[in-house]
C-alpha atoms as a PDB file:
ATOM      1  CA  PHE A   1      12.254   7.720 -56.674  1.00  0.00           C
ATOM      2  CA  PRO A   2      12.604  11.498 -56.755  1.00  0.00           C
ATOM      3  CA  ILE A   3      11.988  11.910 -53.019  1.00  0.00           C
ATOM      4  CA  ILE A   4      14.903   9.658 -52.071  1.00  0.00           C
ATOM      5  CA  ARG A   5      17.226  11.529 -54.405  1.00  0.00           C
ATOM      6  CA  CYS A   6      16.168  14.834 -52.811  1.00  0.00           C
ATOM      7  CA  ILE A   7      16.757  13.522 -49.288  1.00  0.00           C
ATOM      8  CA  ASP A   8      20.124  11.997 -50.201  1.00  0.00           C
ATOM      9  CA  LYS A   9      21.472  15.350 -51.401  1.00  0.00           C
ATOM     10  CA  ARG A  10      20.579  17.171 -48.184  1.00  0.00           C
ATOM     11  CA  ILE A  11      20.888  14.474 -45.544  1.00  0.00           C
ATOM     12  CA  SER A  12      22.667  16.787 -43.102  1.00  0.00           C
ATOM     13  CA  ILE A  13      19.724  19.200 -43.102  1.00  0.00           C
ATOM     14  CA  TRP A  14      17.330  16.365 -42.211  1.00  0.00           C
ATOM     15  CA  ILE A  15      19.567  15.174 -39.364  1.00  0.00           C
ATOM     16  CA  ILE A  16      19.778  18.695 -37.928  1.00  0.00           C
ATOM     17  CA  PHE A  17      16.011  19.079 -38.319  1.00  0.00           C
ATOM     18  CA  TYR A  18      15.442  15.794 -36.464  1.00  0.00           C
ATOM     19  CA  PHE A  19      17.617  16.770 -33.475  1.00  0.00           C
ATOM     20  CA  VAL A  20      16.215  20.290 -33.232  1.00  0.00           C
ATOM     21  CA  LEU A  21      12.660  18.983 -33.389  1.00  0.00           C
ATOM     22  CA  SER A  22      13.305  16.418 -30.659  1.00  0.00           C
ATOM     23  CA  PHE A  23      14.512  19.135 -28.255  1.00  0.00           C
ATOM     24  CA  TYR A  24      11.590  21.346 -29.233  1.00  0.00           C
ATOM     25  CA  LEU A  25       9.029  18.657 -28.386  1.00  0.00           C
ATOM     26  CA  ALA A  26      10.762  17.846 -25.091  1.00  0.00           C
ATOM     27  CA  SER A  27      10.477  21.473 -24.038  1.00  0.00           C
ATOM     28  CA  PHE A  28       6.739  21.352 -24.753  1.00  0.00           C
ATOM     29  CA  ASN A  29       6.430  18.469 -22.313  1.00  0.00           C
ATOM     30  CA  ALA A  30       8.208  20.478 -19.617  1.00  0.00           C
ATOM     31  CA  ILE A  31       5.947  23.461 -20.272  1.00  0.00           C
ATOM     32  CA  ARG A  32       2.813  21.302 -20.052  1.00  0.00           C
ATOM     33  CA  GLN A  33       4.003  19.812 -16.778  1.00  0.00           C
ATOM     34  CA  ALA A  34       4.781  23.251 -15.349  1.00  0.00           C
ATOM     35  CA  ILE A  35       1.317  24.532 -16.263  1.00  0.00           C
ATOM     36  CA  ALA A  36      -0.294  21.502 -14.626  1.00  0.00           C
ATOM     37  CA  LEU A  37       1.824  21.985 -11.508  1.00  0.00           C
ATOM     38  CA  SER A  38       0.927  25.659 -11.229  1.00  0.00           C
ATOM     39  CA  ILE A  39      -2.796  24.911 -11.556  1.00  0.00           C
ATOM     40  CA  SER A  40      -2.451  22.145  -8.961  1.00  0.00           C
ATOM     41  CA  CYS A  41      -0.652  24.458  -6.540  1.00  0.00           C
ATOM     42  CA  PHE A  42      -3.339  27.092  -6.976  1.00  0.00           C
ATOM     43  CA  ALA A  43      -6.013  24.467  -6.356  1.00  0.00           C
ATOM     44  CA  LEU A  44      -4.210  23.261  -3.237  1.00  0.00           C
ATOM     45  CA  TYR A  45      -3.986  26.812  -1.900  1.00  0.00           C
ATOM     46  CA  ARG A  46      -7.712  27.344  -2.490  1.00  0.00           C
ATOM     47  CA  TYR A  47      -8.566  23.955  -0.973  1.00  0.00           C
ATOM     48  CA  MET A  48      -6.601  24.604   2.208  1.00  0.00           C
ATOM     49  CA  ASN A  49      -8.351  27.965   2.675  1.00  0.00           C
ATOM     50  CA  ASP A  50     -11.915  27.208   1.536  1.00  0.00           C
ATOM     51  CA  ASP A  51     -12.175  23.431   2.172  1.00  0.00           C
ATOM     52  CA  ASN A  52     -14.285  22.933  -0.972  1.00  0.00           C
ATOM     53  CA  LYS A  53     -13.600  19.456  -2.392  1.00  0.00           C
ATOM     54  CA  TYR A  54     -15.670  20.044  -5.521  1.00  0.00           C
ATOM     55  CA  LYS A  55     -13.722  23.114  -6.670  1.00  0.00           C
ATOM     56  CA  TYR A  56     -10.440  21.393  -5.841  1.00  0.00           C
ATOM     57  CA  SER A  57     -11.393  18.356  -7.916  1.00  0.00           C
ATOM     58  CA  VAL A  58     -12.417  20.556 -10.852  1.00  0.00           C
ATOM     59  CA  PHE A  59      -9.085  22.404 -10.755  1.00  0.00           C
ATOM     60  CA  ILE A  60      -7.167  19.128 -10.588  1.00  0.00           C
ATOM     61  CA  LEU A  61      -9.120  17.742 -13.529  1.00  0.00           C
ATOM     62  CA  CYS A  62      -8.367  20.925 -15.505  1.00  0.00           C
ATOM     63  CA  ALA A  63      -4.682  20.508 -14.649  1.00  0.00           C
ATOM     64  CA  THR A  64      -4.892  16.888 -15.779  1.00  0.00           C
ATOM     65  CA  MET A  65      -5.895  18.129 -19.223  1.00  0.00           C
ATOM     66  CA  PHE A  66      -2.381  19.544 -19.506  1.00  0.00           C
ATOM     67  CA  HIS A  67      -0.436  16.669 -17.923  1.00  0.00           C
ATOM     68  CA  TYR A  68      -1.426  13.407 -16.240  1.00  0.00           C
ATOM     69  CA  SER A  69       0.971  13.952 -13.340  1.00  0.00           C
ATOM     70  CA  ALA A  70      -1.615  16.338 -11.860  1.00  0.00           C
ATOM     71  CA  LEU A  71      -3.714  13.332 -10.823  1.00  0.00           C
ATOM     72  CA  ILE A  72      -1.380  12.966  -7.851  1.00  0.00           C
ATOM     73  CA  GLY A  73      -3.178  15.996  -6.439  1.00  0.00           C
ATOM     74  CA  LEU A  74      -6.259  13.880  -5.787  1.00  0.00           C
ATOM     75  CA  ILE A  75      -4.350  12.144  -2.991  1.00  0.00           C
ATOM     76  CA  VAL A  76      -4.461  15.405  -1.035  1.00  0.00           C
ATOM     77  CA  ILE A  77      -8.178  14.987  -0.357  1.00  0.00           C
ATOM     78  CA  VAL A  78      -7.460  11.812   1.600  1.00  0.00           C
ATOM     79  CA  ALA A  79      -4.216  13.129   3.080  1.00  0.00           C
ATOM     80  CA  LYS A  80      -5.858  16.243   4.466  1.00  0.00           C
ATOM     81  CA  LYS A  81      -8.174  14.141   6.576  1.00  0.00           C
ATOM     82  CA  TYR A  82      -5.528  11.817   8.035  1.00  0.00           C
ATOM     83  CA  VAL A  83      -2.050  13.343   7.681  1.00  0.00           C
ATOM     84  CA  PHE A  84      -2.454  17.110   7.936  1.00  0.00           C
ATOM     85  CA  PRO A  85      -4.089  17.141  11.408  1.00  0.00           C
ATOM     86  CA  VAL A  86      -1.043  15.267  12.728  1.00  0.00           C
ATOM     87  CA  TRP A  87       1.279  17.907  11.238  1.00  0.00           C
ATOM     88  CA  ILE A  88      -0.803  20.746  12.643  1.00  0.00           C
ATOM     89  CA  ASN A  89      -0.802  19.255  16.141  1.00  0.00           C
ATOM     90  CA  PHE A  90       2.911  18.455  15.945  1.00  0.00           C
ATOM     91  CA  TYR A  91       4.008  21.978  14.999  1.00  0.00           C
ATOM     92  CA  SER A  92       1.569  23.853  17.276  1.00  0.00           C
END
């Protein structure tokens, strides 16, 4: 097979290409997660000021399009009702 003969001659190039590509794809995952986190933080800031659950949910769903870890932000809707008043009263 001509393809196998071509790969056998330049096996070191393919190994280097494989390792470089694996680091390149891992950095994309970190970038996607950072974008999702920044959108989630912006949504949290807007939610704490405006108290609009619909807009917050839309922002979180947009962040989820980048990375699924943004779904953790939906817990804040429940936590704001039960946990945050305790913190506010404790630190006041």
